[in-house]
Amino acid sequence: MIAASPDLFPFYLERGIAFFELGHYHKALADFRTALRLNWRDEEATIWIGRAEAARERLTKKSRFHFFAHSS
């Protein structure tokens, strides 16, 4: 595990963006939240958290729709 030091803020932010782009929203959120803990004033981390939460919610709704549409 990588220790959470303020110097690692860019690492967590960039890795979170990579996870986001791969569709791994849960992992992205964990990294964005770690980045925000390391630099609580960073607006970019906050924006990415919102994006990842919205994407995860859309995916969850899409999965529920797909399940119910094909379970009849």
N, C-alpha and C. Protein backbone atom coordinates (compact mmCIF):
# COMPACT_ATOMS: atom_id res chain seq x y z
N MET A 1 0.84 -1.18 0.00
CA MET A 1 0.00 0.00 0.00
C MET A 1 0.89 1.25 0.00
N ILE A 2 0.46 2.23 -0.71
CA ILE A 2 1.20 3.50 -0.80
C ILE A 2 0.83 4.37 0.39
N ALA A 3 1.83 4.87 1.09
CA ALA A 3 1.57 5.75 2.23
C ALA A 3 0.96 7.07 1.74
N ALA A 4 0.05 7.60 2.53
CA ALA A 4 -0.63 8.84 2.16
C ALA A 4 0.17 10.05 2.64
N SER A 5 1.02 10.57 1.79
CA SER A 5 1.78 11.77 2.11
C SER A 5 1.34 12.87 1.16
N PRO A 6 1.35 14.12 1.60
CA PRO A 6 0.91 15.22 0.73
C PRO A 6 1.64 15.28 -0.61
N ASP A 7 2.87 14.80 -0.65
CA ASP A 7 3.63 14.79 -1.90
C ASP A 7 3.02 13.86 -2.95
N LEU A 8 2.20 12.92 -2.49
CA LEU A 8 1.60 11.95 -3.41
C LEU A 8 0.25 12.39 -3.96
N PHE A 9 -0.17 13.59 -3.63
CA PHE A 9 -1.45 14.10 -4.16
C PHE A 9 -1.57 13.93 -5.67
N PRO A 10 -0.56 14.36 -6.47
CA PRO A 10 -0.71 14.22 -7.94
C PRO A 10 -0.84 12.77 -8.38
N PHE A 11 -0.15 11.86 -7.69
CA PHE A 11 -0.25 10.44 -8.03
C PHE A 11 -1.68 9.95 -7.88
N TYR A 12 -2.29 10.23 -6.72
CA TYR A 12 -3.65 9.76 -6.48
C TYR A 12 -4.64 10.40 -7.46
N LEU A 13 -4.46 11.67 -7.76
CA LEU A 13 -5.36 12.34 -8.69
C LEU A 13 -5.23 11.73 -10.09
N GLU A 14 -4.02 11.56 -10.56
CA GLU A 14 -3.81 11.02 -11.91
C GLU A 14 -4.25 9.56 -12.01
N ARG A 15 -3.96 8.77 -10.98
CA ARG A 15 -4.40 7.37 -11.01
C ARG A 15 -5.92 7.30 -10.96
N GLY A 16 -6.53 8.19 -10.18
CA GLY A 16 -7.99 8.23 -10.15
C GLY A 16 -8.57 8.55 -11.52
N ILE A 17 -7.96 9.47 -12.23
CA ILE A 17 -8.42 9.81 -13.58
C ILE A 17 -8.27 8.60 -14.50
N ALA A 18 -7.17 7.88 -14.38
CA ALA A 18 -6.97 6.68 -15.20
C ALA A 18 -8.04 5.64 -14.89
N PHE A 19 -8.31 5.40 -13.61
CA PHE A 19 -9.37 4.46 -13.24
C PHE A 19 -10.72 4.92 -13.79
N PHE A 20 -10.99 6.21 -13.70
CA PHE A 20 -12.24 6.77 -14.21
C PHE A 20 -12.39 6.47 -15.70
N GLU A 21 -11.33 6.75 -16.45
CA GLU A 21 -11.38 6.54 -17.90
C GLU A 21 -11.53 5.07 -18.27
N LEU A 22 -11.11 4.17 -17.38
CA LEU A 22 -11.27 2.73 -17.61
C LEU A 22 -12.64 2.23 -17.14
N GLY A 23 -13.42 3.12 -16.52
CA GLY A 23 -14.73 2.73 -16.02
C GLY A 23 -14.71 2.08 -14.65
N HIS A 24 -13.59 2.18 -13.95
CA HIS A 24 -13.46 1.63 -12.60
C HIS A 24 -13.77 2.74 -11.59
N TYR A 25 -15.06 3.08 -11.51
CA TYR A 25 -15.47 4.25 -10.75
C TYR A 25 -15.24 4.11 -9.25
N HIS A 26 -15.41 2.91 -8.71
CA HIS A 26 -15.18 2.70 -7.28
C HIS A 26 -13.72 2.97 -6.93
N LYS A 27 -12.80 2.45 -7.72
CA LYS A 27 -11.37 2.69 -7.49
C LYS A 27 -11.02 4.16 -7.71
N ALA A 28 -11.63 4.76 -8.72
CA ALA A 28 -11.38 6.18 -8.99
C ALA A 28 -11.82 7.03 -7.80
N LEU A 29 -13.01 6.74 -7.27
CA LEU A 29 -13.49 7.50 -6.12
C LEU A 29 -12.57 7.37 -4.92
N ALA A 30 -12.06 6.19 -4.68
CA ALA A 30 -11.14 5.99 -3.56
C ALA A 30 -9.89 6.86 -3.73
N ASP A 31 -9.34 6.89 -4.94
CA ASP A 31 -8.16 7.71 -5.18
C ASP A 31 -8.47 9.20 -5.11
N PHE A 32 -9.59 9.62 -5.66
CA PHE A 32 -9.95 11.04 -5.60
C PHE A 32 -10.16 11.48 -4.15
N ARG A 33 -10.77 10.63 -3.35
CA ARG A 33 -10.99 10.98 -1.94
C ARG A 33 -9.67 11.03 -1.17
N THR A 34 -8.76 10.12 -1.50
CA THR A 34 -7.44 10.17 -0.87
C THR A 34 -6.72 11.46 -1.27
N ALA A 35 -6.80 11.81 -2.56
CA ALA A 35 -6.18 13.05 -3.03
C ALA A 35 -6.76 14.24 -2.29
N LEU A 36 -8.06 14.25 -2.10
CA LEU A 36 -8.70 15.37 -1.42
C LEU A 36 -8.29 15.43 0.06
N ARG A 37 -8.12 14.27 0.69
CA ARG A 37 -7.63 14.28 2.07
C ARG A 37 -6.22 14.85 2.15
N LEU A 38 -5.42 14.57 1.12
CA LEU A 38 -4.04 15.06 1.10
C LEU A 38 -3.96 16.55 0.80
N ASN A 39 -4.92 17.04 0.03
CA ASN A 39 -4.95 18.47 -0.33
C ASN A 39 -6.41 18.90 -0.37
N TRP A 40 -6.97 19.18 0.79
CA TRP A 40 -8.41 19.43 0.92
C TRP A 40 -8.88 20.69 0.21
N ARG A 41 -7.98 21.52 -0.22
CA ARG A 41 -8.37 22.74 -0.94
C ARG A 41 -8.42 22.56 -2.45
N ASP A 42 -8.09 21.39 -2.93
CA ASP A 42 -8.00 21.19 -4.37
C ASP A 42 -9.39 21.03 -4.99
N GLU A 43 -9.74 21.94 -5.86
CA GLU A 43 -11.05 21.90 -6.53
C GLU A 43 -11.12 20.79 -7.56
N GLU A 44 -10.02 20.48 -8.21
CA GLU A 44 -10.02 19.46 -9.26
C GLU A 44 -10.42 18.10 -8.69
N ALA A 45 -9.88 17.74 -7.53
CA ALA A 45 -10.25 16.46 -6.91
C ALA A 45 -11.74 16.43 -6.60
N THR A 46 -12.27 17.54 -6.12
CA THR A 46 -13.70 17.63 -5.81
C THR A 46 -14.54 17.46 -7.07
N ILE A 47 -14.13 18.08 -8.15
CA ILE A 47 -14.85 17.95 -9.43
C ILE A 47 -14.84 16.50 -9.90
N TRP A 48 -13.68 15.85 -9.82
CA TRP A 48 -13.58 14.45 -10.25
C TRP A 48 -14.43 13.52 -9.38
N ILE A 49 -14.52 13.82 -8.09
CA ILE A 49 -15.39 13.02 -7.22
C ILE A 49 -16.83 13.10 -7.72
N GLY A 50 -17.27 14.30 -8.05
CA GLY A 50 -18.63 14.47 -8.58
C GLY A 50 -18.84 13.73 -9.88
N ARG A 51 -17.87 13.78 -10.76
CA ARG A 51 -17.98 13.07 -12.03
C ARG A 51 -18.05 11.55 -11.82
N ALA A 52 -17.19 11.05 -10.95
CA ALA A 52 -17.16 9.61 -10.70
C ALA A 52 -18.44 9.13 -10.02
N GLU A 53 -18.95 9.91 -9.08
CA GLU A 53 -20.21 9.53 -8.43
C GLU A 53 -21.36 9.52 -9.43
N ALA A 54 -21.40 10.51 -10.31
CA ALA A 54 -22.46 10.56 -11.33
C ALA A 54 -22.34 9.40 -12.30
N ALA A 55 -21.12 9.08 -12.72
CA ALA A 55 -20.92 7.97 -13.65
C ALA A 55 -21.30 6.65 -13.00
N ARG A 56 -20.93 6.48 -11.73
CA ARG A 56 -21.28 5.25 -11.02
C ARG A 56 -22.80 5.12 -10.89
N GLU A 57 -23.47 6.22 -10.62
CA GLU A 57 -24.93 6.21 -10.50
C GLU A 57 -25.59 5.85 -11.84
N ARG A 58 -25.08 6.44 -12.94
CA ARG A 58 -25.64 6.10 -14.27
C ARG A 58 -25.44 4.62 -14.57
N LEU A 59 -24.29 4.09 -14.22
CA LEU A 59 -24.01 2.68 -14.46
C LEU A 59 -24.93 1.80 -13.63
N THR A 60 -25.17 2.19 -12.40
CA THR A 60 -26.06 1.43 -11.52
C THR A 60 -27.48 1.43 -12.07
N LYS A 61 -27.96 2.59 -12.50
CA LYS A 61 -29.31 2.67 -13.07
C LYS A 61 -29.41 1.85 -14.35
N LYS A 62 -28.38 1.92 -15.19
CA LYS A 62 -28.38 1.16 -16.43
C LYS A 62 -28.40 -0.34 -16.14
N SER A 63 -27.64 -0.77 -15.14
CA SER A 63 -27.60 -2.19 -14.78
C SER A 63 -28.95 -2.66 -14.26
N ARG A 64 -29.60 -1.83 -13.44
CA ARG A 64 -30.93 -2.19 -12.92
C ARG A 64 -31.93 -2.30 -14.06
N PHE A 65 -31.91 -1.34 -14.98
CA PHE A 65 -32.83 -1.37 -16.11
C PHE A 65 -32.60 -2.63 -16.94
N HIS A 66 -31.35 -2.92 -17.22
CA HIS A 66 -31.01 -4.09 -18.04
C HIS A 66 -31.49 -5.37 -17.35
N PHE A 67 -31.30 -5.47 -16.03
CA PHE A 67 -31.72 -6.66 -15.30
C PHE A 67 -33.22 -6.83 -15.37
N PHE A 68 -33.99 -5.77 -15.08
CA PHE A 68 -35.44 -5.86 -15.08
C PHE A 68 -36.01 -6.03 -16.48
N ALA A 69 -35.38 -5.46 -17.47
CA ALA A 69 -35.85 -5.58 -18.84
C ALA A 69 -35.71 -7.00 -19.36
N HIS A 70 -34.72 -7.73 -18.84
CA HIS A 70 -34.46 -9.08 -19.33
C HIS A 70 -34.87 -10.18 -18.35
N SER A 71 -35.50 -9.82 -17.24
CA SER A 71 -35.89 -10.82 -16.26
C SER A 71 -37.33 -11.28 -16.43
N SER A 72 -38.06 -10.68 -17.36
CA SER A 72 -39.48 -11.05 -17.56
C SER A 72 -39.59 -12.28 -18.40
